[in-house]
PDB file of N, CA and C in Angstrom:
ATOM      1  N   UNK A   1      88.783 106.770 107.204  1.00  0.00           N
ATOM      2  CA  UNK A   1      89.893 107.640 106.895  1.00  0.00           C
ATOM      3  C   UNK A   1      90.245 107.364 105.446  1.00  0.00           C
ATOM      4  N   UNK A   2      90.385 108.401 104.631  1.00  0.00           N
ATOM      5  CA  UNK A   2      90.787 108.319 103.346  1.00  0.00           C
ATOM      6  C   UNK A   2      92.127 108.919 103.075  1.00  0.00           C
ATOM      7  N   UNK A   3      92.748 108.483 102.044  1.00  0.00           N
ATOM      8  CA  UNK A   3      94.178 109.008 101.652  1.00  0.00           C
ATOM      9  C   UNK A   3      94.008 109.599 100.326  1.00  0.00           C
ATOM     10  N   UNK A   4      94.708 110.809 100.170  1.00  0.00           N
ATOM     11  CA  UNK A   4      94.811 111.300  98.741  1.00  0.00           C
ATOM     12  C   UNK A   4      96.235 111.848  98.584  1.00  0.00           C
ATOM     13  N   UNK A   5      96.774 111.639  97.427  1.00  0.00           N
ATOM     14  CA  UNK A   5      98.177 112.130  97.255  1.00  0.00           C
ATOM     15  C   UNK A   5      99.095 111.172  97.558  1.00  0.00           C
ATOM     16  N   UNK A   6     100.057 111.550  98.197  1.00  0.00           N
ATOM     17  CA  UNK A   6     101.240 110.666  98.554  1.00  0.00           C
ATOM     18  C   UNK A   6     100.837 109.466  99.446  1.00  0.00           C
ATOM     19  N   UNK A   7     101.636 108.341  99.356  1.00  0.00           N
ATOM     20  CA  UNK A   7     101.356 107.132 100.273  1.00  0.00           C
ATOM     21  C   UNK A   7     101.674 107.587 101.730  1.00  0.00           C
ATOM     22  N   UNK A   8     100.838 107.108 102.659  1.00  0.00           N
ATOM     23  CA  UNK A   8     101.027 107.433 104.153  1.00  0.00           C
ATOM     24  C   UNK A   8     100.925 106.208 104.832  1.00  0.00           C
ATOM     25  N   UNK A   9     101.519 106.238 106.000  1.00  0.00           N
ATOM     26  CA  UNK A   9     101.413 105.208 106.988  1.00  0.00           C
ATOM     27  C   UNK A   9     100.999 105.719 108.383  1.00  0.00           C
ATOM     28  N   UNK A  10      99.741 105.360 108.681  1.00  0.00           N
ATOM     29  CA  UNK A  10      99.149 105.759 110.012  1.00  0.00           C
ATOM     30  C   UNK A  10      98.718 104.630 110.856  1.00  0.00           C
ATOM     31  N   UNK A  11      99.535 104.100 111.700  1.00  0.00           N
ATOM     32  CA  UNK A  11      99.206 102.875 112.427  1.00  0.00           C
ATOM     33  C   UNK A  11      99.162 101.683 111.397  1.00  0.00           C
ATOM     34  N   UNK A  12      98.076 101.040 111.402  1.00  0.00           N
ATOM     35  CA  UNK A  12      97.890  99.896 110.349  1.00  0.00           C
ATOM     36  C   UNK A  12      97.302 100.358 109.064  1.00  0.00           C
ATOM     37  N   UNK A  13      96.973 101.586 108.871  1.00  0.00           N
ATOM     38  CA  UNK A  13      96.392 102.040 107.677  1.00  0.00           C
ATOM     39  C   UNK A  13      97.502 102.398 106.693  1.00  0.00           C
ATOM     40  N   UNK A  14      97.318 101.782 105.533  1.00  0.00           N
ATOM     41  CA  UNK A  14      98.292 102.062 104.346  1.00  0.00           C
ATOM     42  C   UNK A  14      97.494 102.515 103.208  1.00  0.00           C
ATOM     43  N   UNK A  15      97.878 103.638 102.534  1.00  0.00           N
ATOM     44  CA  UNK A  15      97.194 104.085 101.454  1.00  0.00           C
ATOM     45  C   UNK A  15      98.104 104.636 100.281  1.00  0.00           C
ATOM     46  N   UNK A  16      97.652 104.729  99.160  1.00  0.00           N
ATOM     47  CA  UNK A  16      98.400 105.182  98.107  1.00  0.00           C
ATOM     48  C   UNK A  16      97.619 105.621  96.872  1.00  0.00           C
ATOM     49  N   UNK A  17      97.840 106.744  96.257  1.00  0.00           N
ATOM     50  CA  UNK A  17      97.028 107.105  95.047  1.00  0.00           C
ATOM     51  C   UNK A  17      95.526 107.182  95.271  1.00  0.00           C
ATOM     52  N   UNK A  18      95.216 107.467  96.519  1.00  0.00           N
ATOM     53  CA  UNK A  18      93.791 107.653  96.775  1.00  0.00           C
ATOM     54  C   UNK A  18      93.027 106.200  97.065  1.00  0.00           C
ATOM     55  N   UNK A  19      93.687 105.233  96.955  1.00  0.00           N
ATOM     56  CA  UNK A  19      93.133 103.911  97.194  1.00  0.00           C
ATOM     57  C   UNK A  19      93.589 103.378  98.600  1.00  0.00           C
ATOM     58  N   UNK A  20      92.562 102.663  99.297  1.00  0.00           N
ATOM     59  CA  UNK A  20      92.841 102.223 100.532  1.00  0.00           C
ATOM     60  C   UNK A  20      93.519 100.731 100.310  1.00  0.00           C
ATOM     61  N   UNK A  21      94.656 100.633 100.840  1.00  0.00           N
ATOM     62  CA  UNK A  21      95.452  99.408 100.498  1.00  0.00           C
ATOM     63  C   UNK A  21      95.529  98.607 101.799  1.00  0.00           C
ATOM     64  N   UNK A  22      95.094  97.236 101.737  1.00  0.00           N
ATOM     65  CA  UNK A  22      95.140  96.365 102.805  1.00  0.00           C
ATOM     66  C   UNK A  22      96.331  95.426 102.724  1.00  0.00           C
ATOM     67  N   UNK A  23      96.844  95.056 103.918  1.00  0.00           N
ATOM     68  CA  UNK A  23      98.045  94.115 103.922  1.00  0.00           C
ATOM     69  C   UNK A  23      97.627  92.903 104.796  1.00  0.00           C
ATOM     70  N   UNK A  24      97.997  91.769 104.311  1.00  0.00           N
ATOM     71  CA  UNK A  24      97.762  90.612 105.086  1.00  0.00           C
ATOM     72  C   UNK A  24      98.969  89.576 104.816  1.00  0.00           C
ATOM     73  N   UNK A  25      99.748  89.246 105.688  1.00  0.00           N
ATOM     74  CA  UNK A  25     100.733  88.343 105.646  1.00  0.00           C
ATOM     75  C   UNK A  25     101.881  88.871 104.544  1.00  0.00           C
ATOM     76  N   UNK A  26     102.184  90.146 104.574  1.00  0.00           N
ATOM     77  CA  UNK A  26     103.023  90.716 103.592  1.00  0.00           C
ATOM     78  C   UNK A  26     102.640  90.972 102.243  1.00  0.00           C
ATOM     79  N   UNK A  27     101.329  90.709 101.871  1.00  0.00           N
ATOM     80  CA  UNK A  27     100.760  90.948 100.615  1.00  0.00           C
ATOM     81  C   UNK A  27      99.821  91.964 100.696  1.00  0.00           C
ATOM     82  N   UNK A  28      99.759  92.942  99.691  1.00  0.00           N
ATOM     83  CA  UNK A  28      98.937  94.022  99.627  1.00  0.00           C
ATOM     84  C   UNK A  28      97.755  93.912  98.684  1.00  0.00           C
ATOM     85  N   UNK A  29      96.605  94.475  99.002  1.00  0.00           N
ATOM     86  CA  UNK A  29      95.547  94.287  98.095  1.00  0.00           C
ATOM     87  C   UNK A  29      94.640  95.550  98.322  1.00  0.00           C
ATOM     88  N   UNK A  30      93.703  95.779  97.146  1.00  0.00           N
ATOM     89  CA  UNK A  30      92.717  96.720  97.338  1.00  0.00           C
ATOM     90  C   UNK A  30      91.387  95.976  97.284  1.00  0.00           C
ATOM     91  N   UNK A  31      90.557  96.270  98.256  1.00  0.00           N
ATOM     92  CA  UNK A  31      89.343  95.547  98.416  1.00  0.00           C
ATOM     93  C   UNK A  31      88.465  95.754  97.306  1.00  0.00           C
ATOM     94  N   UNK A  32      87.749  94.570  96.919  1.00  0.00           N
ATOM     95  CA  UNK A  32      86.886  94.730  95.765  1.00  0.00           C
ATOM     96  C   UNK A  32      87.392  94.448  94.419  1.00  0.00           C
ATOM     97  N   UNK A  33      88.717  94.530  94.429  1.00  0.00           N
ATOM     98  CA  UNK A  33      89.403  94.447  93.104  1.00  0.00           C
ATOM     99  C   UNK A  33      90.497  93.340  93.257  1.00  0.00           C
ATOM    100  N   UNK A  34      90.852  92.738  92.265  1.00  0.00           N
ATOM    101  CA  UNK A  34      92.090  91.942  91.935  1.00  0.00           C
ATOM    102  C   UNK A  34      93.118  92.891  91.325  1.00  0.00           C
ATOM    103  N   UNK A  35      94.285  92.798  91.854  1.00  0.00           N
ATOM    104  CA  UNK A  35      95.273  93.807  91.265  1.00  0.00           C
ATOM    105  C   UNK A  35      96.540  93.016  90.947  1.00  0.00           C
ATOM    106  N   UNK A  36      97.197  93.702  89.940  1.00  0.00           N
ATOM    107  CA  UNK A  36      98.506  93.229  89.303  1.00  0.00           C
ATOM    108  C   UNK A  36      99.321  94.436  89.150  1.00  0.00           C
ATOM    109  N   UNK A  37     100.579  94.446  89.720  1.00  0.00           N
ATOM    110  CA  UNK A  37     101.558  95.476  89.512  1.00  0.00           C
ATOM    111  C   UNK A  37     102.733  94.879  88.805  1.00  0.00           C
ATOM    112  N   UNK A  38     103.101  95.405  87.725  1.00  0.00           N
ATOM    113  CA  UNK A  38     104.250  94.927  87.029  1.00  0.00           C
ATOM    114  C   UNK A  38     105.210  96.052  86.872  1.00  0.00           C
ATOM    115  N   UNK A  39     106.412  95.877  87.233  1.00  0.00           N
ATOM    116  CA  UNK A  39     107.423  96.961  87.264  1.00  0.00           C
ATOM    117  C   UNK A  39     108.394  96.634  86.099  1.00  0.00           C
ATOM    118  N   UNK A  40     108.918  97.627  85.211  1.00  0.00           N
ATOM    119  CA  UNK A  40     109.901  97.440  84.319  1.00  0.00           C
ATOM    120  C   UNK A  40     111.008  98.489  84.525  1.00  0.00           C
ATOM    121  N   UNK A  41     111.750  98.253  85.624  1.00  0.00           N
ATOM    122  CA  UNK A  41     112.600  99.448  86.134  1.00  0.00           C
ATOM    123  C   UNK A  41     113.735  99.782  85.083  1.00  0.00           C
ATOM    124  N   UNK A  42     114.167  98.943  84.170  1.00  0.00           N
ATOM    125  CA  UNK A  42     115.116  99.336  83.253  1.00  0.00           C
ATOM    126  C   UNK A  42     114.583 100.167  82.115  1.00  0.00           C
ATOM    127  N   UNK A  43     113.347 100.155  82.006  1.00  0.00           N
ATOM    128  CA  UNK A  43     112.568 101.071  81.077  1.00  0.00           C
ATOM    129  C   UNK A  43     111.983 102.260  81.749  1.00  0.00           C
ATOM    130  N   UNK A  44     112.034 102.165  83.163  1.00  0.00           N
ATOM    131  CA  UNK A  44     111.242 103.236  83.909  1.00  0.00           C
ATOM    132  C   UNK A  44     109.806 103.292  83.737  1.00  0.00           C
ATOM    133  N   UNK A  45     109.171 102.152  83.457  1.00  0.00           N
ATOM    134  CA  UNK A  45     107.782 102.009  83.283  1.00  0.00           C
ATOM    135  C   UNK A  45     107.266 100.958  84.266  1.00  0.00           C
ATOM    136  N   UNK A  46     105.905 101.189  84.480  1.00  0.00           N
ATOM    137  CA  UNK A  46     105.197 100.106  85.217  1.00  0.00           C
ATOM    138  C   UNK A  46     103.805 100.148  84.765  1.00  0.00           C
ATOM    139  N   UNK A  47     103.011  99.002  85.074  1.00  0.00           N
ATOM    140  CA  UNK A  47     101.688  98.824  84.724  1.00  0.00           C
ATOM    141  C   UNK A  47     100.894  98.389  85.954  1.00  0.00           C
ATOM    142  N   UNK A  48      99.812  98.990  86.188  1.00  0.00           N
ATOM    143  CA  UNK A  48      98.957  98.557  87.315  1.00  0.00           C
ATOM    144  C   UNK A  48      97.596  98.096  86.791  1.00  0.00           C
ATOM    145  N   UNK A  49      97.157  96.926  87.046  1.00  0.00           N
ATOM    146  CA  UNK A  49      96.087  96.297  86.464  1.00  0.00           C
ATOM    147  C   UNK A  49      95.005  96.105  87.569  1.00  0.00           C
ATOM    148  N   UNK A  50      93.839  96.762  87.599  1.00  0.00           N
ATOM    149  CA  UNK A  50      92.802  96.512  88.459  1.00  0.00           C
ATOM    150  C   UNK A  50      91.558  95.812  87.865  1.00  0.00           C
ATOM    151  N   UNK A  51      91.151  94.901  88.335  1.00  0.00           N
ATOM    152  CA  UNK A  51      89.882  94.107  87.789  1.00  0.00           C
ATOM    153  C   UNK A  51      88.906  93.883  88.874  1.00  0.00           C
ATOM    154  N   UNK A  52      87.597  93.669  88.554  1.00  0.00           N
ATOM    155  CA  UNK A  52      86.577  93.432  89.607  1.00  0.00           C
ATOM    156  C   UNK A  52      86.025  92.042  89.464  1.00  0.00           C
ATOM    157  N   UNK A  53      86.970  91.075  88.895  1.00  0.00           N
ATOM    158  CA  UNK A  53      86.685  89.757  88.809  1.00  0.00           C
ATOM    159  C   UNK A  53      87.974  88.846  89.313  1.00  0.00           C
ATOM    160  N   UNK A  54      87.582  87.775  89.786  1.00  0.00           N
ATOM    161  CA  UNK A  54      88.615  86.812  90.138  1.00  0.00           C
ATOM    162  C   UNK A  54      89.042  86.000  88.970  1.00  0.00           C
ATOM    163  N   UNK A  55      88.416  85.940  87.969  1.00  0.00           N
ATOM    164  CA  UNK A  55      88.714  85.171  86.841  1.00  0.00           C
ATOM    165  C   UNK A  55      89.358  85.843  85.602  1.00  0.00           C
ATOM    166  N   UNK A  56      89.737  86.986  85.703  1.00  0.00           N
ATOM    167  CA  UNK A  56      90.299  87.736  84.658  1.00  0.00           C
ATOM    168  C   UNK A  56      91.737  87.170  84.256  1.00  0.00           C
ATOM    169  N   UNK A  57      92.035  87.099  83.146  1.00  0.00           N
ATOM    170  CA  UNK A  57      93.468  86.585  82.580  1.00  0.00           C
ATOM    171  C   UNK A  57      94.448  87.702  82.867  1.00  0.00           C
ATOM    172  N   UNK A  58      94.880  88.081  84.122  1.00  0.00           N
ATOM    173  CA  UNK A  58      95.651  89.352  84.372  1.00  0.00           C
ATOM    174  C   UNK A  58      96.959  89.419  83.448  1.00  0.00           C
ATOM    175  N   UNK A  59      97.662  88.244  83.501  1.00  0.00           N
ATOM    176  CA  UNK A  59      98.923  88.278  82.816  1.00  0.00           C
ATOM    177  C   UNK A  59      98.717  88.380  81.185  1.00  0.00           C
ATOM    178  N   UNK A  60      97.754  87.905  80.703  1.00  0.00           N
ATOM    179  CA  UNK A  60      97.489  88.101  79.202  1.00  0.00           C
ATOM    180  C   UNK A  60      97.069  89.475  78.925  1.00  0.00           C
ATOM    181  N   UNK A  61      96.183  90.059  79.767  1.00  0.00           N
ATOM    182  CA  UNK A  61      95.928  91.401  79.644  1.00  0.00           C
ATOM    183  C   UNK A  61      97.044  92.332  79.719  1.00  0.00           C
ATOM    184  N   UNK A  62      97.852  92.237  80.814  1.00  0.00           N
ATOM    185  CA  UNK A  62      99.041  92.968  80.991  1.00  0.00           C
ATOM    186  C   UNK A  62     100.009  92.848  79.891  1.00  0.00           C
ATOM    187  N   UNK A  63     100.134  91.597  79.323  1.00  0.00           N
ATOM    188  CA  UNK A  63     101.141  91.412  78.261  1.00  0.00           C
ATOM    189  C   UNK A  63     100.709  92.128  77.006  1.00  0.00           C
ATOM    190  N   UNK A  64      99.474  92.074  76.674  1.00  0.00           N
ATOM    191  CA  UNK A  64      98.898  92.866  75.488  1.00  0.00           C
ATOM    192  C   UNK A  64      98.940  94.359  75.740  1.00  0.00           C
ATOM    193  N   UNK A  65      98.597  94.795  76.878  1.00  0.00           N
ATOM    194  CA  UNK A  65      98.728  96.388  77.181  1.00  0.00           C
ATOM    195  C   UNK A  65     100.273  96.790  77.027  1.00  0.00           C
ATOM    196  N   UNK A  66     101.158  95.931  77.554  1.00  0.00           N
ATOM    197  CA  UNK A  66     102.481  96.313  77.457  1.00  0.00           C
ATOM    198  C   UNK A  66     102.978  96.359  76.035  1.00  0.00           C
ATOM    199  N   UNK A  67     102.676  95.399  75.347  1.00  0.00           N
ATOM    200  CA  UNK A  67     103.028  95.336  73.906  1.00  0.00           C
ATOM    201  C   UNK A  67     102.378  96.529  73.080  1.00  0.00           C
ATOM    202  N   UNK A  68     101.207  96.824  73.324  1.00  0.00           N
ATOM    203  CA  UNK A  68     100.489  97.989  72.716  1.00  0.00           C
ATOM    204  C   UNK A  68     101.169  99.306  73.011  1.00  0.00           C
ATOM    205  N   UNK A  69     101.600  99.514  74.311  1.00  0.00           N
ATOM    206  CA  UNK A  69     102.165 100.743  74.763  1.00  0.00           C
ATOM    207  C   UNK A  69     103.564 100.710  74.083  1.00  0.00           C
ATOM    208  N   UNK A  70     104.194  99.732  73.864  1.00  0.00           N
ATOM    209  CA  UNK A  70     105.614  99.721  73.251  1.00  0.00           C
ATOM    210  C   UNK A  70     105.434  99.939  71.817  1.00  0.00           C
ATOM    211  N   UNK A  71     104.366  99.289  71.019  1.00  0.00           N
ATOM    212  CA  UNK A  71     104.325  99.429  69.647  1.00  0.00           C
ATOM    213  C   UNK A  71     103.859 100.846  69.224  1.00  0.00           C
ATOM    214  N   UNK A  72     103.080 101.526  70.105  1.00  0.00           N
ATOM    215  CA  UNK A  72     102.588 102.773  69.709  1.00  0.00           C
ATOM    216  C   UNK A  72     103.522 103.910  70.144  1.00  0.00           C
ATOM    217  N   UNK A  73     104.561 103.631  70.691  1.00  0.00           N
ATOM    218  CA  UNK A  73     105.619 104.541  71.048  1.00  0.00           C
ATOM    219  C   UNK A  73     105.370 105.343  72.310  1.00  0.00           C
ATOM    220  N   UNK A  74     104.261 105.001  73.145  1.00  0.00           N
ATOM    221  CA  UNK A  74     103.893 105.626  74.222  1.00  0.00           C
ATOM    222  C   UNK A  74     104.925 105.255  75.340  1.00  0.00           C
ATOM    223  N   UNK A  75     105.496 104.052  75.332  1.00  0.00           N
ATOM    224  CA  UNK A  75     106.571 103.636  76.124  1.00  0.00           C
ATOM    225  C   UNK A  75     107.825 103.627  75.168  1.00  0.00           C
ATOM    226  N   UNK A  76     108.860 104.209  75.718  1.00  0.00           N
ATOM    227  CA  UNK A  76     110.016 104.265  74.839  1.00  0.00           C
ATOM    228  C   UNK A  76     110.924 103.092  75.133  1.00  0.00           C
TER     229      UNK A  76
END
C-alpha cells in the first residue's frame, strides 16, 4: 500500500508526503533513511533532512542549511 498526498492512517499504516512512515515505541522513521525534522514555529519554517547513512552529521548539515536559507532571504 502506498500513500500519496495528505497523511493517512489505515490500521497500523502511517504515511505522509508519499513516504511510508514506520512507528516503533512512539518514534517515527522512513526505512532506508535516517531522518531529522526541525520545526521553527515562530518563523513558520521547518526543515526535513533525509540521509542514507547512519554517520551523517545531521545537526551540522541542518544548521548550515538553516543559516543559508536565512542568509539568502529564502526564509524570512
